[in-house]
Amino acid sequence: MKKLVVIFLLFCGVGIMTPLVVTAAENQPQKVAAATAVNINSASAAELQNLPGIGPVTAERIVAYRTEHGRFASVDDLIQVKGVGQKTLENIRKLVRIE
């Protein structure tokens, strides 16, 4: 499935924003859409890797932390996982949920 990216261009001097749709290559990794939140208490390492800033090592650490310490009580608990810093946490905050 092709991923659509919407880019808004600002016309010089007019102040009107117009959408421009660009089609990305099919073989690029898919990232989580804002409307699809990942449950960090049940997501697999593969699902967690779809979050921005979460690679395979960090995804495995999240799963390992969850296995060792139990379910996350809040999204903020991710900061306890090595590899998840404040910047990464803020980038994924709206893309993850707790259930």
C-alpha atoms as a PDB file:
ATOM      1  CA  MET A   1       0.000   0.000   0.000  1.00  0.00           C
ATOM      2  CA  LYS A   2       1.346   3.393  -0.895  1.00  0.00           C
ATOM      3  CA  LYS A   3       1.740   5.934   1.853  1.00  0.00           C
ATOM      4  CA  LEU A   4       0.477   9.416   1.152  1.00  0.00           C
ATOM      5  CA  VAL A   5       2.263  12.363   2.616  1.00  0.00           C
ATOM      6  CA  VAL A   6       0.555  15.730   2.705  1.00  0.00           C
ATOM      7  CA  ILE A   7       2.830  18.703   2.415  1.00  0.00           C
ATOM      8  CA  PHE A   8       1.560  22.235   2.765  1.00  0.00           C
ATOM      9  CA  LEU A   9       3.259  24.921   0.732  1.00  0.00           C
ATOM     10  CA  LEU A  10       2.997  28.564   1.583  1.00  0.00           C
ATOM     11  CA  PHE A  11       2.655  30.807  -1.448  1.00  0.00           C
ATOM     12  CA  CYS A  12       4.988  33.777  -1.164  1.00  0.00           C
ATOM     13  CA  GLY A  13       3.193  36.999  -0.328  1.00  0.00           C
ATOM     14  CA  VAL A  14      -0.316  35.510  -0.423  1.00  0.00           C
ATOM     15  CA  GLY A  15      -0.376  33.634   2.862  1.00  0.00           C
ATOM     16  CA  ILE A  16      -2.516  30.813   1.434  1.00  0.00           C
ATOM     17  CA  MET A  17      -1.638  27.237   2.282  1.00  0.00           C
ATOM     18  CA  THR A  18      -2.336  24.633  -0.387  1.00  0.00           C
ATOM     19  CA  PRO A  19      -1.997  20.865   0.092  1.00  0.00           C
ATOM     20  CA  LEU A  20       0.313  18.927  -2.185  1.00  0.00           C
ATOM     21  CA  VAL A  21       0.068  15.128  -2.112  1.00  0.00           C
ATOM     22  CA  VAL A  22       3.273  13.202  -2.635  1.00  0.00           C
ATOM     23  CA  THR A  23       3.353   9.414  -2.970  1.00  0.00           C
ATOM     24  CA  ALA A  24       6.164   7.688  -1.095  1.00  0.00           C
ATOM     25  CA  ALA A  25       7.843   4.487  -2.253  1.00  0.00           C
ATOM     26  CA  GLU A  26       6.110   1.271  -1.206  1.00  0.00           C
ATOM     27  CA  ASN A  27       9.213  -0.281   0.295  1.00  0.00           C
ATOM     28  CA  GLN A  28       9.768   2.422   2.908  1.00  0.00           C
ATOM     29  CA  PRO A  29       8.996   1.418   6.508  1.00  0.00           C
ATOM     30  CA  GLN A  30       5.561   2.422   7.688  1.00  0.00           C
ATOM     31  CA  LYS A  31       5.354   4.615  10.777  1.00  0.00           C
ATOM     32  CA  VAL A  32       2.383   4.742  13.112  1.00  0.00           C
ATOM     33  CA  ALA A  33      -0.349   7.154  12.046  1.00  0.00           C
ATOM     34  CA  ALA A  34      -1.500   9.589  14.721  1.00  0.00           C
ATOM     35  CA  ALA A  35      -4.962   7.983  14.753  1.00  0.00           C
ATOM     36  CA  THR A  36      -3.525   4.532  15.565  1.00  0.00           C
ATOM     37  CA  ALA A  37      -2.158   4.466  19.100  1.00  0.00           C
ATOM     38  CA  VAL A  38       0.020   1.527  20.142  1.00  0.00           C
ATOM     39  CA  ASN A  39      -0.766  -0.137  23.468  1.00  0.00           C
ATOM     40  CA  ILE A  40       2.656  -0.329  25.116  1.00  0.00           C
ATOM     41  CA  ASN A  41       1.422  -3.019  27.518  1.00  0.00           C
ATOM     42  CA  SER A  42       0.671  -5.526  24.768  1.00  0.00           C
ATOM     43  CA  ALA A  43       2.575  -4.425  21.658  1.00  0.00           C
ATOM     44  CA  SER A  44       5.227  -6.705  20.245  1.00  0.00           C
ATOM     45  CA  ALA A  45       8.762  -5.483  19.591  1.00  0.00           C
ATOM     46  CA  ALA A  46       7.916  -5.370  15.879  1.00  0.00           C
ATOM     47  CA  GLU A  47       4.900  -3.122  16.541  1.00  0.00           C
ATOM     48  CA  LEU A  48       6.924  -0.849  18.828  1.00  0.00           C
ATOM     49  CA  GLN A  49       9.525  -0.361  16.075  1.00  0.00           C
ATOM     50  CA  ASN A  50       6.903   1.491  14.046  1.00  0.00           C
ATOM     51  CA  LEU A  51       7.082   4.349  16.554  1.00  0.00           C
ATOM     52  CA  PRO A  52       9.409   7.238  15.646  1.00  0.00           C
ATOM     53  CA  GLY A  53      12.757   6.940  17.411  1.00  0.00           C
ATOM     54  CA  ILE A  54      12.182   3.334  18.505  1.00  0.00           C
ATOM     55  CA  GLY A  55      14.518   0.891  16.780  1.00  0.00           C
ATOM     56  CA  PRO A  56      14.862  -2.855  17.269  1.00  0.00           C
ATOM     57  CA  VAL A  57      17.102  -2.643  20.342  1.00  0.00           C
ATOM     58  CA  THR A  58      14.900  -0.139  22.178  1.00  0.00           C
ATOM     59  CA  ALA A  59      11.757  -2.060  21.217  1.00  0.00           C
ATOM     60  CA  GLU A  60      13.243  -5.235  22.727  1.00  0.00           C
ATOM     61  CA  ARG A  61      14.204  -3.282  25.860  1.00  0.00           C
ATOM     62  CA  ILE A  62      10.613  -2.037  26.229  1.00  0.00           C
ATOM     63  CA  VAL A  63       9.286  -5.596  25.998  1.00  0.00           C
ATOM     64  CA  ALA A  64      11.963  -6.863  28.415  1.00  0.00           C
ATOM     65  CA  TYR A  65      11.223  -4.058  30.890  1.00  0.00           C
ATOM     66  CA  ARG A  66       7.508  -4.847  30.723  1.00  0.00           C
ATOM     67  CA  THR A  67       8.204  -8.554  31.279  1.00  0.00           C
ATOM     68  CA  GLU A  68      10.487  -7.896  34.240  1.00  0.00           C
ATOM     69  CA  HIS A  69       8.573  -5.059  35.941  1.00  0.00           C
ATOM     70  CA  GLY A  70       4.995  -5.676  34.866  1.00  0.00           C
ATOM     71  CA  ARG A  71       2.596  -3.478  32.953  1.00  0.00           C
ATOM     72  CA  PHE A  72       3.337   0.205  32.442  1.00  0.00           C
ATOM     73  CA  ALA A  73       1.090   2.344  34.662  1.00  0.00           C
ATOM     74  CA  SER A  74       1.541   5.422  32.469  1.00  0.00           C
ATOM     75  CA  VAL A  75       3.234   6.483  29.265  1.00  0.00           C
ATOM     76  CA  ASP A  76       5.739   8.401  31.394  1.00  0.00           C
ATOM     77  CA  ASP A  77       7.046   5.067  32.736  1.00  0.00           C
ATOM     78  CA  LEU A  78       8.742   4.512  29.366  1.00  0.00           C
ATOM     79  CA  ILE A  79      11.441   6.933  30.509  1.00  0.00           C
ATOM     80  CA  GLN A  80      12.693   4.097  32.773  1.00  0.00           C
ATOM     81  CA  VAL A  81      13.655   2.064  29.692  1.00  0.00           C
ATOM     82  CA  LYS A  82      17.241   2.517  28.538  1.00  0.00           C
ATOM     83  CA  GLY A  83      17.164   4.199  25.127  1.00  0.00           C
ATOM     84  CA  VAL A  84      13.958   6.151  25.728  1.00  0.00           C
ATOM     85  CA  GLY A  85      14.862   9.699  26.588  1.00  0.00           C
ATOM     86  CA  GLN A  86      12.694  12.748  27.164  1.00  0.00           C
ATOM     87  CA  LYS A  87      12.779  13.739  23.483  1.00  0.00           C
ATOM     88  CA  THR A  88      11.719  10.283  22.288  1.00  0.00           C
ATOM     89  CA  LEU A  89       9.009  10.123  24.936  1.00  0.00           C
ATOM     90  CA  GLU A  90       7.559  13.453  23.787  1.00  0.00           C
ATOM     91  CA  ASN A  91       7.703  12.348  20.135  1.00  0.00           C
ATOM     92  CA  ILE A  92       5.710   9.186  20.808  1.00  0.00           C
ATOM     93  CA  ARG A  93       3.422  10.385  23.624  1.00  0.00           C
ATOM     94  CA  LYS A  94       0.398  10.873  21.351  1.00  0.00           C
ATOM     95  CA  LEU A  95       1.099   7.648  19.470  1.00  0.00           C
ATOM     96  CA  VAL A  96       0.986   5.286  22.446  1.00  0.00           C
ATOM     97  CA  ARG A  97      -1.643   4.324  24.980  1.00  0.00           C
ATOM     98  CA  ILE A  98      -1.980   2.293  28.188  1.00  0.00           C
ATOM     99  CA  GLU A  99      -4.577  -0.454  28.512  1.00  0.00           C
END
